[in-house]
């Protein structure tokens, strides 16, 4: 899985960091908004 993420453009460290981000719970989705700092993620979290 991490190899596929690297093939898509991430480094192995970034792939591991991305994996950790996906593990957040429903009450912690704001952490994703803070990490990304973009309207796209903020709007998506609100929509979800």
ModelCIF file with pLDDT and N, C-alpha, C, O atoms, coordinates in Angstrom:
data_MODEL
#
_entry.id   MODEL 
#
_entity.id                         1 
_entity.type                       polymer 
_entity.pdbx_number_of_molecules   1 
#
_entity_poly.entity_id                      1 
_entity_poly.type                           'polypeptide(L)' 
_entity_poly.nstd_linkage                   no 
_entity_poly.nstd_monomer                   no 
_entity_poly.pdbx_seq_one_letter_code       
;(UNK)(UNK)(UNK)(UNK)(UNK)(UNK)(UNK)(UNK)(UNK)(UNK)(UNK)(UNK)(UNK)(UNK)(UNK)(UNK)
(UNK)(UNK)(UNK)(UNK)(UNK)(UNK)(UNK)(UNK)(UNK)(UNK)(UNK)(UNK)(UNK)(UNK)(UNK)(UNK)
(UNK)(UNK)(UNK)(UNK)(UNK)(UNK)(UNK)(UNK)(UNK)(UNK)(UNK)(UNK)(UNK)(UNK)(UNK)(UNK)
;
_entity_poly.pdbx_seq_one_letter_code_can   XXXXXXXXXXXXXXXXXXXXXXXXXXXXXXXXXXXXXXXXXXXXXXXX 
_entity_poly.pdbx_strand_id                 A 
#
loop_
_entity_poly_seq.entity_id 
_entity_poly_seq.num 
_entity_poly_seq.mon_id 
_entity_poly_seq.hetero 
1 1  UNK n 
1 2  UNK n 
1 3  UNK n 
1 4  UNK n 
1 5  UNK n 
1 6  UNK n 
1 7  UNK n 
1 8  UNK n 
1 9  UNK n 
1 10 UNK n 
1 11 UNK n 
1 12 UNK n 
1 13 UNK n 
1 14 UNK n 
1 15 UNK n 
1 16 UNK n 
1 17 UNK n 
1 18 UNK n 
1 19 UNK n 
1 20 UNK n 
1 21 UNK n 
1 22 UNK n 
1 23 UNK n 
1 24 UNK n 
1 25 UNK n 
1 26 UNK n 
1 27 UNK n 
1 28 UNK n 
1 29 UNK n 
1 30 UNK n 
1 31 UNK n 
1 32 UNK n 
1 33 UNK n 
1 34 UNK n 
1 35 UNK n 
1 36 UNK n 
1 37 UNK n 
1 38 UNK n 
1 39 UNK n 
1 40 UNK n 
1 41 UNK n 
1 42 UNK n 
1 43 UNK n 
1 44 UNK n 
1 45 UNK n 
1 46 UNK n 
1 47 UNK n 
1 48 UNK n 
#
_struct_asym.id          A 
_struct_asym.entity_id   1 
#
loop_
_ma_qa_metric.id 
_ma_qa_metric.mode 
_ma_qa_metric.name 
_ma_qa_metric.software_group_id 
_ma_qa_metric.type 
1 global pLDDT . pLDDT 
2 local  pLDDT . pLDDT 
#
_ma_qa_metric_global.metric_id      1 
_ma_qa_metric_global.metric_value   91.54 
_ma_qa_metric_global.model_id       1 
_ma_qa_metric_global.ordinal_id     1 
#
loop_
_ma_qa_metric_local.label_asym_id 
_ma_qa_metric_local.label_comp_id 
_ma_qa_metric_local.label_seq_id 
_ma_qa_metric_local.metric_id 
_ma_qa_metric_local.metric_value 
_ma_qa_metric_local.model_id 
_ma_qa_metric_local.ordinal_id 
A UNK 1  2 89.00 1 1  
A UNK 2  2 90.00 1 2  
A UNK 3  2 90.00 1 3  
A UNK 4  2 90.00 1 4  
A UNK 5  2 91.00 1 5  
A UNK 6  2 90.00 1 6  
A UNK 7  2 90.00 1 7  
A UNK 8  2 89.00 1 8  
A UNK 9  2 91.00 1 9  
A UNK 10 2 90.00 1 10 
A UNK 11 2 90.00 1 11 
A UNK 12 2 90.00 1 12 
A UNK 13 2 91.00 1 13 
A UNK 14 2 91.00 1 14 
A UNK 15 2 88.00 1 15 
A UNK 16 2 90.00 1 16 
A UNK 17 2 92.00 1 17 
A UNK 18 2 90.00 1 18 
A UNK 19 2 88.00 1 19 
A UNK 20 2 91.00 1 20 
A UNK 21 2 91.00 1 21 
A UNK 22 2 90.00 1 22 
A UNK 23 2 89.00 1 23 
A UNK 24 2 90.00 1 24 
A UNK 25 2 89.00 1 25 
A UNK 26 2 88.00 1 26 
A UNK 27 2 88.00 1 27 
A UNK 28 2 91.00 1 28 
A UNK 29 2 93.00 1 29 
A UNK 30 2 92.00 1 30 
A UNK 31 2 93.00 1 31 
A UNK 32 2 94.00 1 32 
A UNK 33 2 94.00 1 33 
A UNK 34 2 92.00 1 34 
A UNK 35 2 92.00 1 35 
A UNK 36 2 89.00 1 36 
A UNK 37 2 90.00 1 37 
A UNK 38 2 92.00 1 38 
A UNK 39 2 94.00 1 39 
A UNK 40 2 94.00 1 40 
A UNK 41 2 94.00 1 41 
A UNK 42 2 96.00 1 42 
A UNK 43 2 96.00 1 43 
A UNK 44 2 95.00 1 44 
A UNK 45 2 96.00 1 45 
A UNK 46 2 97.00 1 46 
A UNK 47 2 97.00 1 47 
A UNK 48 2 97.00 1 48 
#
loop_
_atom_site.group_PDB 
_atom_site.id 
_atom_site.type_symbol 
_atom_site.label_atom_id 
_atom_site.label_alt_id 
_atom_site.label_comp_id 
_atom_site.label_asym_id 
_atom_site.label_entity_id 
_atom_site.label_seq_id 
_atom_site.pdbx_PDB_ins_code 
_atom_site.Cartn_x 
_atom_site.Cartn_y 
_atom_site.Cartn_z 
_atom_site.occupancy 
_atom_site.B_iso_or_equiv 
_atom_site.pdbx_formal_charge 
_atom_site.auth_seq_id 
_atom_site.auth_comp_id 
_atom_site.auth_asym_id 
_atom_site.auth_atom_id 
_atom_site.pdbx_PDB_model_num 
ATOM 1   N N  . UNK A 1 1  ? 0.834   -1.205 0.000  1.00 89.00 ? 1  UNK A N  1 
ATOM 2   C CA . UNK A 1 1  ? 0.000   0.000  0.000  1.00 89.00 ? 1  UNK A CA 1 
ATOM 3   C C  . UNK A 1 1  ? 0.867   1.253  0.000  1.00 89.00 ? 1  UNK A C  1 
ATOM 4   O O  . UNK A 1 1  ? 0.636   2.174  -0.783 1.00 89.00 ? 1  UNK A O  1 
ATOM 5   N N  . UNK A 1 2  ? 1.861   1.285  0.875  1.00 90.00 ? 2  UNK A N  1 
ATOM 6   C CA . UNK A 1 2  ? 2.749   2.448  0.921  1.00 90.00 ? 2  UNK A CA 1 
ATOM 7   C C  . UNK A 1 2  ? 3.536   2.588  -0.378 1.00 90.00 ? 2  UNK A C  1 
ATOM 8   O O  . UNK A 1 2  ? 3.809   3.702  -0.825 1.00 90.00 ? 2  UNK A O  1 
ATOM 9   N N  . UNK A 1 3  ? 3.904   1.447  -0.988 1.00 90.00 ? 3  UNK A N  1 
ATOM 10  C CA . UNK A 1 3  ? 4.593   1.510  -2.282 1.00 90.00 ? 3  UNK A CA 1 
ATOM 11  C C  . UNK A 1 3  ? 3.712   2.192  -3.330 1.00 90.00 ? 3  UNK A C  1 
ATOM 12  O O  . UNK A 1 3  ? 4.203   2.977  -4.142 1.00 90.00 ? 3  UNK A O  1 
ATOM 13  N N  . UNK A 1 4  ? 2.412   1.892  -3.312 1.00 90.00 ? 4  UNK A N  1 
ATOM 14  C CA . UNK A 1 4  ? 1.498   2.522  -4.280 1.00 90.00 ? 4  UNK A CA 1 
ATOM 15  C C  . UNK A 1 4  ? 1.390   4.020  -4.029 1.00 90.00 ? 4  UNK A C  1 
ATOM 16  O O  . UNK A 1 4  ? 1.336   4.808  -4.973 1.00 90.00 ? 4  UNK A O  1 
ATOM 17  N N  . UNK A 1 5  ? 1.358   4.415  -2.757 1.00 91.00 ? 5  UNK A N  1 
ATOM 18  C CA . UNK A 1 5  ? 1.311   5.840  -2.453 1.00 91.00 ? 5  UNK A CA 1 
ATOM 19  C C  . UNK A 1 5  ? 2.582   6.542  -2.931 1.00 91.00 ? 5  UNK A C  1 
ATOM 20  O O  . UNK A 1 5  ? 2.533   7.673  -3.415 1.00 91.00 ? 5  UNK A O  1 
ATOM 21  N N  . UNK A 1 6  ? 3.704   5.866  -2.791 1.00 90.00 ? 6  UNK A N  1 
ATOM 22  C CA . UNK A 1 6  ? 4.971   6.440  -3.261 1.00 90.00 ? 6  UNK A CA 1 
ATOM 23  C C  . UNK A 1 6  ? 4.963   6.546  -4.788 1.00 90.00 ? 6  UNK A C  1 
ATOM 24  O O  . UNK A 1 6  ? 5.415   7.545  -5.346 1.00 90.00 ? 6  UNK A O  1 
ATOM 25  N N  . UNK A 1 7  ? 4.453   5.525  -5.451 1.00 90.00 ? 7  UNK A N  1 
ATOM 26  C CA . UNK A 1 7  ? 4.350   5.589  -6.915 1.00 90.00 ? 7  UNK A CA 1 
ATOM 27  C C  . UNK A 1 7  ? 3.464   6.748  -7.348 1.00 90.00 ? 7  UNK A C  1 
ATOM 28  O O  . UNK A 1 7  ? 3.664   7.326  -8.416 1.00 90.00 ? 7  UNK A O  1 
ATOM 29  N N  . UNK A 1 8  ? 2.466   7.092  -6.498 1.00 89.00 ? 8  UNK A N  1 
ATOM 30  C CA . UNK A 1 8  ? 1.563   8.191  -6.817 1.00 89.00 ? 8  UNK A CA 1 
ATOM 31  C C  . UNK A 1 8  ? 2.187   9.560  -6.527 1.00 89.00 ? 8  UNK A C  1 
ATOM 32  O O  . UNK A 1 8  ? 1.629   10.585 -6.919 1.00 89.00 ? 8  UNK A O  1 
ATOM 33  N N  . UNK A 1 9  ? 3.358   9.588  -5.833 1.00 91.00 ? 9  UNK A N  1 
ATOM 34  C CA . UNK A 1 9  ? 4.035   10.865 -5.657 1.00 91.00 ? 9  UNK A CA 1 
ATOM 35  C C  . UNK A 1 9  ? 4.465   11.219 -4.252 1.00 91.00 ? 9  UNK A C  1 
ATOM 36  O O  . UNK A 1 9  ? 5.224   12.171 -4.073 1.00 91.00 ? 9  UNK A O  1 
ATOM 37  N N  . UNK A 1 10 ? 4.008   10.485 -3.243 1.00 90.00 ? 10 UNK A N  1 
ATOM 38  C CA . UNK A 1 10 ? 4.423   10.770 -1.879 1.00 90.00 ? 10 UNK A CA 1 
ATOM 39  C C  . UNK A 1 10 ? 5.780   10.131 -1.580 1.00 90.00 ? 10 UNK A C  1 
ATOM 40  O O  . UNK A 1 10 ? 6.184   9.179  -2.247 1.00 90.00 ? 10 UNK A O  1 
ATOM 41  N N  . UNK A 1 11 ? 6.473   10.657 -0.580 1.00 90.00 ? 11 UNK A N  1 
ATOM 42  C CA . UNK A 1 11 ? 7.643   9.953  -0.056 1.00 90.00 ? 11 UNK A CA 1 
ATOM 43  C C  . UNK A 1 11 ? 7.140   8.910  0.947  1.00 90.00 ? 11 UNK A C  1 
ATOM 44  O O  . UNK A 1 11 ? 5.968   8.925  1.325  1.00 90.00 ? 11 UNK A O  1 
ATOM 45  N N  . UNK A 1 12 ? 8.031   8.001  1.377  1.00 90.00 ? 12 UNK A N  1 
ATOM 46  C CA . UNK A 1 12 ? 7.604   6.992  2.352  1.00 90.00 ? 12 UNK A CA 1 
ATOM 47  C C  . UNK A 1 12 ? 7.217   7.643  3.682  1.00 90.00 ? 12 UNK A C  1 
ATOM 48  O O  . UNK A 1 12 ? 6.282   7.192  4.343  1.00 90.00 ? 12 UNK A O  1 
ATOM 49  N N  . UNK A 1 13 ? 7.922   8.688  4.072  1.00 91.00 ? 13 UNK A N  1 
ATOM 50  C CA . UNK A 1 13 ? 7.564   9.384  5.302  1.00 91.00 ? 13 UNK A CA 1 
ATOM 51  C C  . UNK A 1 13 ? 6.197   10.053 5.172  1.00 91.00 ? 13 UNK A C  1 
ATOM 52  O O  . UNK A 1 13 ? 5.389   10.020 6.100  1.00 91.00 ? 13 UNK A O  1 
ATOM 53  N N  . UNK A 1 14 ? 5.951   10.654 4.021  1.00 91.00 ? 14 UNK A N  1 
ATOM 54  C CA . UNK A 1 14 ? 4.650   11.287 3.791  1.00 91.00 ? 14 UNK A CA 1 
ATOM 55  C C  . UNK A 1 14 ? 3.539   10.239 3.750  1.00 91.00 ? 14 UNK A C  1 
ATOM 56  O O  . UNK A 1 14 ? 2.435   10.491 4.234  1.00 91.00 ? 14 UNK A O  1 
ATOM 57  N N  . UNK A 1 15 ? 3.817   9.078  3.183  1.00 88.00 ? 15 UNK A N  1 
ATOM 58  C CA . UNK A 1 15 ? 2.819   7.998  3.149  1.00 88.00 ? 15 UNK A CA 1 
ATOM 59  C C  . UNK A 1 15 ? 2.449   7.574  4.565  1.00 88.00 ? 15 UNK A C  1 
ATOM 60  O O  . UNK A 1 15 ? 1.276   7.348  4.859  1.00 88.00 ? 15 UNK A O  1 
ATOM 61  N N  . UNK A 1 16 ? 3.446   7.464  5.443  1.00 90.00 ? 16 UNK A N  1 
ATOM 62  C CA . UNK A 1 16 ? 3.175   7.093  6.833  1.00 90.00 ? 16 UNK A CA 1 
ATOM 63  C C  . UNK A 1 16 ? 2.391   8.196  7.539  1.00 90.00 ? 16 UNK A C  1 
ATOM 64  O O  . UNK A 1 16 ? 1.484   7.914  8.322  1.00 90.00 ? 16 UNK A O  1 
ATOM 65  N N  . UNK A 1 17 ? 2.742   9.456  7.258  1.00 92.00 ? 17 UNK A N  1 
ATOM 66  C CA . UNK A 1 17 ? 2.027   10.575 7.869  1.00 92.00 ? 17 UNK A CA 1 
ATOM 67  C C  . UNK A 1 17 ? 0.575   10.604 7.387  1.00 92.00 ? 17 UNK A C  1 
ATOM 68  O O  . UNK A 1 17 ? -0.347  10.843 8.167  1.00 92.00 ? 17 UNK A O  1 
ATOM 69  N N  . UNK A 1 18 ? 0.391   10.358 6.095  1.00 90.00 ? 18 UNK A N  1 
ATOM 70  C CA . UNK A 1 18 ? -0.969  10.313 5.549  1.00 90.00 ? 18 UNK A CA 1 
ATOM 71  C C  . UNK A 1 18 ? -1.777  9.200  6.216  1.00 90.00 ? 18 UNK A C  1 
ATOM 72  O O  . UNK A 1 18 ? -2.948  9.386  6.548  1.00 90.00 ? 18 UNK A O  1 
ATOM 73  N N  . UNK A 1 19 ? -1.151  8.058  6.407  1.00 88.00 ? 19 UNK A N  1 
ATOM 74  C CA . UNK A 1 19 ? -1.821  6.927  7.059  1.00 88.00 ? 19 UNK A CA 1 
ATOM 75  C C  . UNK A 1 19 ? -2.291  7.303  8.461  1.00 88.00 ? 19 UNK A C  1 
ATOM 76  O O  . UNK A 1 19 ? -3.394  6.939  8.869  1.00 88.00 ? 19 UNK A O  1 
ATOM 77  N N  . UNK A 1 20 ? -1.464  8.022  9.188  1.00 91.00 ? 20 UNK A N  1 
ATOM 78  C CA . UNK A 1 20 ? -1.828  8.453  10.542 1.00 91.00 ? 20 UNK A CA 1 
ATOM 79  C C  . UNK A 1 20 ? -3.011  9.424  10.508 1.00 91.00 ? 20 UNK A C  1 
ATOM 80  O O  . UNK A 1 20 ? -3.881  9.378  11.377 1.00 91.00 ? 20 UNK A O  1 
ATOM 81  N N  . UNK A 1 21 ? -3.039  10.287 9.516  1.00 91.00 ? 21 UNK A N  1 
ATOM 82  C CA . UNK A 1 21 ? -4.138  11.249 9.407  1.00 91.00 ? 21 UNK A CA 1 
ATOM 83  C C  . UNK A 1 21 ? -5.476  10.543 9.225  1.00 91.00 ? 21 UNK A C  1 
ATOM 84  O O  . UNK A 1 21 ? -6.489  10.971 9.777  1.00 91.00 ? 21 UNK A O  1 
ATOM 85  N N  . UNK A 1 22 ? -5.478  9.453  8.444  1.00 90.00 ? 22 UNK A N  1 
ATOM 86  C CA . UNK A 1 22 ? -6.738  8.750  8.183  1.00 90.00 ? 22 UNK A CA 1 
ATOM 87  C C  . UNK A 1 22 ? -7.268  8.034  9.412  1.00 90.00 ? 22 UNK A C  1 
ATOM 88  O O  . UNK A 1 22 ? -8.423  7.607  9.432  1.00 90.00 ? 22 UNK A O  1 
ATOM 89  N N  . UNK A 1 23 ? -6.441  7.898  10.431 1.00 89.00 ? 23 UNK A N  1 
ATOM 90  C CA . UNK A 1 23 ? -6.860  7.166  11.638 1.00 89.00 ? 23 UNK A CA 1 
ATOM 91  C C  . UNK A 1 23 ? -7.613  8.044  12.631 1.00 89.00 ? 23 UNK A C  1 
ATOM 92  O O  . UNK A 1 23 ? -8.032  7.558  13.682 1.00 89.00 ? 23 UNK A O  1 
ATOM 93  N N  . UNK A 1 24 ? -7.795  9.336  12.319 1.00 90.00 ? 24 UNK A N  1 
ATOM 94  C CA . UNK A 1 24 ? -8.474  10.214 13.277 1.00 90.00 ? 24 UNK A CA 1 
ATOM 95  C C  . UNK A 1 24 ? -9.916  9.764  13.473 1.00 90.00 ? 24 UNK A C  1 
ATOM 96  O O  . UNK A 1 24 ? -10.517 9.185  12.568 1.00 90.00 ? 24 UNK A O  1 
ATOM 97  N N  . UNK A 1 25 ? -10.461 10.025 14.633 1.00 89.00 ? 25 UNK A N  1 
ATOM 98  C CA . UNK A 1 25 ? -11.852 9.696  14.917 1.00 89.00 ? 25 UNK A CA 1 
ATOM 99  C C  . UNK A 1 25 ? -12.791 10.786 14.446 1.00 89.00 ? 25 UNK A C  1 
ATOM 100 O O  . UNK A 1 25 ? -12.364 11.858 14.015 1.00 89.00 ? 25 UNK A O  1 
ATOM 101 N N  . UNK A 1 26 ? -14.064 10.497 14.536 1.00 88.00 ? 26 UNK A N  1 
ATOM 102 C CA . UNK A 1 26 ? -15.075 11.439 14.049 1.00 88.00 ? 26 UNK A CA 1 
ATOM 103 C C  . UNK A 1 26 ? -15.023 12.767 14.800 1.00 88.00 ? 26 UNK A C  1 
ATOM 104 O O  . UNK A 1 26 ? -15.303 13.817 14.221 1.00 88.00 ? 26 UNK A O  1 
ATOM 105 N N  . UNK A 1 27 ? -14.670 12.730 16.079 1.00 88.00 ? 27 UNK A N  1 
ATOM 106 C CA . UNK A 1 27 ? -14.620 13.955 16.872 1.00 88.00 ? 27 UNK A CA 1 
ATOM 107 C C  . UNK A 1 27 ? -13.359 14.770 16.608 1.00 88.00 ? 27 UNK A C  1 
ATOM 108 O O  . UNK A 1 27 ? -13.221 15.887 17.105 1.00 88.00 ? 27 UNK A O  1 
ATOM 109 N N  . UNK A 1 28 ? -12.433 14.205 15.819 1.00 91.00 ? 28 UNK A N  1 
ATOM 110 C CA . UNK A 1 28 ? -11.144 14.872 15.597 1.00 91.00 ? 28 UNK A CA 1 
ATOM 111 C C  . UNK A 1 28 ? -10.950 15.287 14.141 1.00 91.00 ? 28 UNK A C  1 
ATOM 112 O O  . UNK A 1 28 ? -9.821  15.532 13.715 1.00 91.00 ? 28 UNK A O  1 
ATOM 113 N N  . UNK A 1 29 ? -12.025 15.368 13.380 1.00 93.00 ? 29 UNK A N  1 
ATOM 114 C CA . UNK A 1 29 ? -11.890 15.731 11.968 1.00 93.00 ? 29 UNK A CA 1 
ATOM 115 C C  . UNK A 1 29 ? -11.296 17.124 11.784 1.00 93.00 ? 29 UNK A C  1 
ATOM 116 O O  . UNK A 1 29 ? -10.692 17.415 10.752 1.00 93.00 ? 29 UNK A O  1 
ATOM 117 N N  . UNK A 1 30 ? -11.470 17.979 12.782 1.00 92.00 ? 30 UNK A N  1 
ATOM 118 C CA . UNK A 1 30 ? -10.885 19.319 12.677 1.00 92.00 ? 30 UNK A CA 1 
ATOM 119 C C  . UNK A 1 30 ? -9.367  19.274 12.582 1.00 92.00 ? 30 UNK A C  1 
ATOM 120 O O  . UNK A 1 30 ? -8.750  20.213 12.079 1.00 92.00 ? 30 UNK A O  1 
ATOM 121 N N  . UNK A 1 31 ? -8.762  18.197 13.057 1.00 93.00 ? 31 UNK A N  1 
ATOM 122 C CA . UNK A 1 31 ? -7.314  18.056 12.921 1.00 93.00 ? 31 UNK A CA 1 
ATOM 123 C C  . UNK A 1 31 ? -6.912  17.991 11.457 1.00 93.00 ? 31 UNK A C  1 
ATOM 124 O O  . UNK A 1 31 ? -5.847  18.480 11.080 1.00 93.00 ? 31 UNK A O  1 
ATOM 125 N N  . UNK A 1 32 ? -7.766  17.385 10.626 1.00 94.00 ? 32 UNK A N  1 
ATOM 126 C CA . UNK A 1 32 ? -7.474  17.306 9.196  1.00 94.00 ? 32 UNK A CA 1 
ATOM 127 C C  . UNK A 1 32 ? -7.559  18.681 8.554  1.00 94.00 ? 32 UNK A C  1 
ATOM 128 O O  . UNK A 1 32 ? -6.754  19.030 7.690  1.00 94.00 ? 32 UNK A O  1 
ATOM 129 N N  . UNK A 1 33 ? -8.556  19.463 8.993  1.00 94.00 ? 33 UNK A N  1 
ATOM 130 C CA . UNK A 1 33 ? -8.701  20.823 8.474  1.00 94.00 ? 33 UNK A CA 1 
ATOM 131 C C  . UNK A 1 33 ? -7.470  21.654 8.848  1.00 94.00 ? 33 UNK A C  1 
ATOM 132 O O  . UNK A 1 33 ? -6.945  22.414 8.034  1.00 94.00 ? 33 UNK A O  1 
ATOM 133 N N  . UNK A 1 34 ? -7.030  21.494 10.083 1.00 92.00 ? 34 UNK A N  1 
ATOM 134 C CA . UNK A 1 34 ? -5.861  22.241 10.547 1.00 92.00 ? 34 UNK A CA 1 
ATOM 135 C C  . UNK A 1 34 ? -4.604  21.816 9.793  1.00 92.00 ? 34 UNK A C  1 
ATOM 136 O O  . UNK A 1 34 ? -3.775  22.655 9.439  1.00 92.00 ? 34 UNK A O  1 
ATOM 137 N N  . UNK A 1 35 ? -4.462  20.508 9.549  1.00 92.00 ? 35 UNK A N  1 
ATOM 138 C CA . UNK A 1 35 ? -3.277  20.015 8.836  1.00 92.00 ? 35 UNK A CA 1 
ATOM 139 C C  . UNK A 1 35 ? -3.248  20.542 7.402  1.00 92.00 ? 35 UNK A C  1 
ATOM 140 O O  . UNK A 1 35 ? -2.226  21.043 6.932  1.00 92.00 ? 35 UNK A O  1 
ATOM 141 N N  . UNK A 1 36 ? -4.387  20.421 6.714  1.00 89.00 ? 36 UNK A N  1 
ATOM 142 C CA . UNK A 1 36 ? -4.417  20.801 5.298  1.00 89.00 ? 36 UNK A CA 1 
ATOM 143 C C  . UNK A 1 36 ? -4.396  22.313 5.121  1.00 89.00 ? 36 UNK A C  1 
ATOM 144 O O  . UNK A 1 36 ? -3.708  22.836 4.244  1.00 89.00 ? 36 UNK A O  1 
ATOM 145 N N  . UNK A 1 37 ? -5.159  23.012 5.966  1.00 90.00 ? 37 UNK A N  1 
ATOM 146 C CA . UNK A 1 37 ? -5.233  24.460 5.850  1.00 90.00 ? 37 UNK A CA 1 
ATOM 147 C C  . UNK A 1 37 ? -5.854  24.935 4.558  1.00 90.00 ? 37 UNK A C  1 
ATOM 148 O O  . UNK A 1 37 ? -5.519  26.012 4.067  1.00 90.00 ? 37 UNK A O  1 
ATOM 149 N N  . UNK A 1 38 ? -6.770  24.134 3.992  1.00 92.00 ? 38 UNK A N  1 
ATOM 150 C CA . UNK A 1 38 ? -7.392  24.498 2.711  1.00 92.00 ? 38 UNK A CA 1 
ATOM 151 C C  . UNK A 1 38 ? -8.910  24.496 2.836  1.00 92.00 ? 38 UNK A C  1 
ATOM 152 O O  . UNK A 1 38 ? -9.488  23.788 3.661  1.00 92.00 ? 38 UNK A O  1 
ATOM 153 N N  . UNK A 1 39 ? -9.545  25.321 1.981  1.00 94.00 ? 39 UNK A N  1 
ATOM 154 C CA . UNK A 1 39 ? -11.002 25.346 1.947  1.00 94.00 ? 39 UNK A CA 1 
ATOM 155 C C  . UNK A 1 39 ? -11.560 23.995 1.511  1.00 94.00 ? 39 UNK A C  1 
ATOM 156 O O  . UNK A 1 39 ? -12.628 23.584 1.965  1.00 94.00 ? 39 UNK A O  1 
ATOM 157 N N  . UNK A 1 40 ? -10.837 23.306 0.629  1.00 94.00 ? 40 UNK A N  1 
ATOM 158 C CA . UNK A 1 40 ? -11.349 22.037 0.103  1.00 94.00 ? 40 UNK A CA 1 
ATOM 159 C C  . UNK A 1 40 ? -11.573 21.036 1.226  1.00 94.00 ? 40 UNK A C  1 
ATOM 160 O O  . UNK A 1 40 ? -12.631 20.410 1.293  1.00 94.00 ? 40 UNK A O  1 
ATOM 161 N N  . UNK A 1 41 ? -10.605 20.879 2.096  1.00 94.00 ? 41 UNK A N  1 
ATOM 162 C CA . UNK A 1 41 ? -10.748 19.911 3.187  1.00 94.00 ? 41 UNK A CA 1 
ATOM 163 C C  . UNK A 1 41 ? -11.775 20.403 4.202  1.00 94.00 ? 41 UNK A C  1 
ATOM 164 O O  . UNK A 1 41 ? -12.570 19.611 4.708  1.00 94.00 ? 41 UNK A O  1 
ATOM 165 N N  . UNK A 1 42 ? -11.767 21.694 4.503  1.00 96.00 ? 42 UNK A N  1 
ATOM 166 C CA . UNK A 1 42 ? -12.729 22.228 5.463  1.00 96.00 ? 42 UNK A CA 1 
ATOM 167 C C  . UNK A 1 42 ? -14.158 22.034 4.968  1.00 96.00 ? 42 UNK A C  1 
ATOM 168 O O  . UNK A 1 42 ? -15.027 21.612 5.732  1.00 96.00 ? 42 UNK A O  1 
ATOM 169 N N  . UNK A 1 43 ? -14.405 22.337 3.706  1.00 96.00 ? 43 UNK A N  1 
ATOM 170 C CA . UNK A 1 43 ? -15.750 22.171 3.150  1.00 96.00 ? 43 UNK A CA 1 
ATOM 171 C C  . UNK A 1 43 ? -16.145 20.702 3.106  1.00 96.00 ? 43 UNK A C  1 
ATOM 172 O O  . UNK A 1 43 ? -17.303 20.358 3.343  1.00 96.00 ? 43 UNK A O  1 
ATOM 173 N N  . UNK A 1 44 ? -15.179 19.832 2.803  1.00 95.00 ? 44 UNK A N  1 
ATOM 174 C CA . UNK A 1 44 ? -15.486 18.396 2.743  1.00 95.00 ? 44 UNK A CA 1 
ATOM 175 C C  . UNK A 1 44 ? -15.830 17.855 4.123  1.00 95.00 ? 44 UNK A C  1 
ATOM 176 O O  . UNK A 1 44 ? -16.771 17.074 4.265  1.00 95.00 ? 44 UNK A O  1 
ATOM 177 N N  . UNK A 1 45 ? -15.079 18.260 5.138  1.00 96.00 ? 45 UNK A N  1 
ATOM 178 C CA . UNK A 1 45 ? -15.362 17.816 6.506  1.00 96.00 ? 45 UNK A CA 1 
ATOM 179 C C  . UNK A 1 45 ? -16.744 18.293 6.934  1.00 96.00 ? 45 UNK A C  1 
ATOM 180 O O  . UNK A 1 45 ? -17.509 17.533 7.528  1.00 96.00 ? 45 UNK A O  1 
ATOM 181 N N  . UNK A 1 46 ? -17.066 19.550 6.635  1.00 97.00 ? 46 UNK A N  1 
ATOM 182 C CA . UNK A 1 46 ? -18.386 20.077 6.986  1.00 97.00 ? 46 UNK A CA 1 
ATOM 183 C C  . UNK A 1 46 ? -19.486 19.312 6.270  1.00 97.00 ? 46 UNK A C  1 
ATOM 184 O O  . UNK A 1 46 ? -20.510 18.982 6.868  1.00 97.00 ? 46 UNK A O  1 
ATOM 185 N N  . UNK A 1 47 ? -19.273 19.028 4.980  1.00 97.00 ? 47 UNK A N  1 
ATOM 186 C CA . UNK A 1 47 ? -20.269 18.287 4.211  1.00 97.00 ? 47 UNK A CA 1 
ATOM 187 C C  . UNK A 1 47 ? -20.477 16.884 4.772  1.00 97.00 ? 47 UNK A C  1 
ATOM 188 O O  . UNK A 1 47 ? -21.611 16.422 4.898  1.00 97.00 ? 47 UNK A O  1 
ATOM 189 N N  . UNK A 1 48 ? -19.379 16.209 5.108  1.00 97.00 ? 48 UNK A N  1 
ATOM 190 C CA . UNK A 1 48 ? -19.480 14.859 5.680  1.00 97.00 ? 48 UNK A CA 1 
ATOM 191 C C  . UNK A 1 48 ? -20.239 14.896 7.000  1.00 97.00 ? 48 UNK A C  1 
ATOM 192 O O  . UNK A 1 48 ? -20.427 13.857 7.633  1.00 97.00 ? 48 UNK A O  1 
#
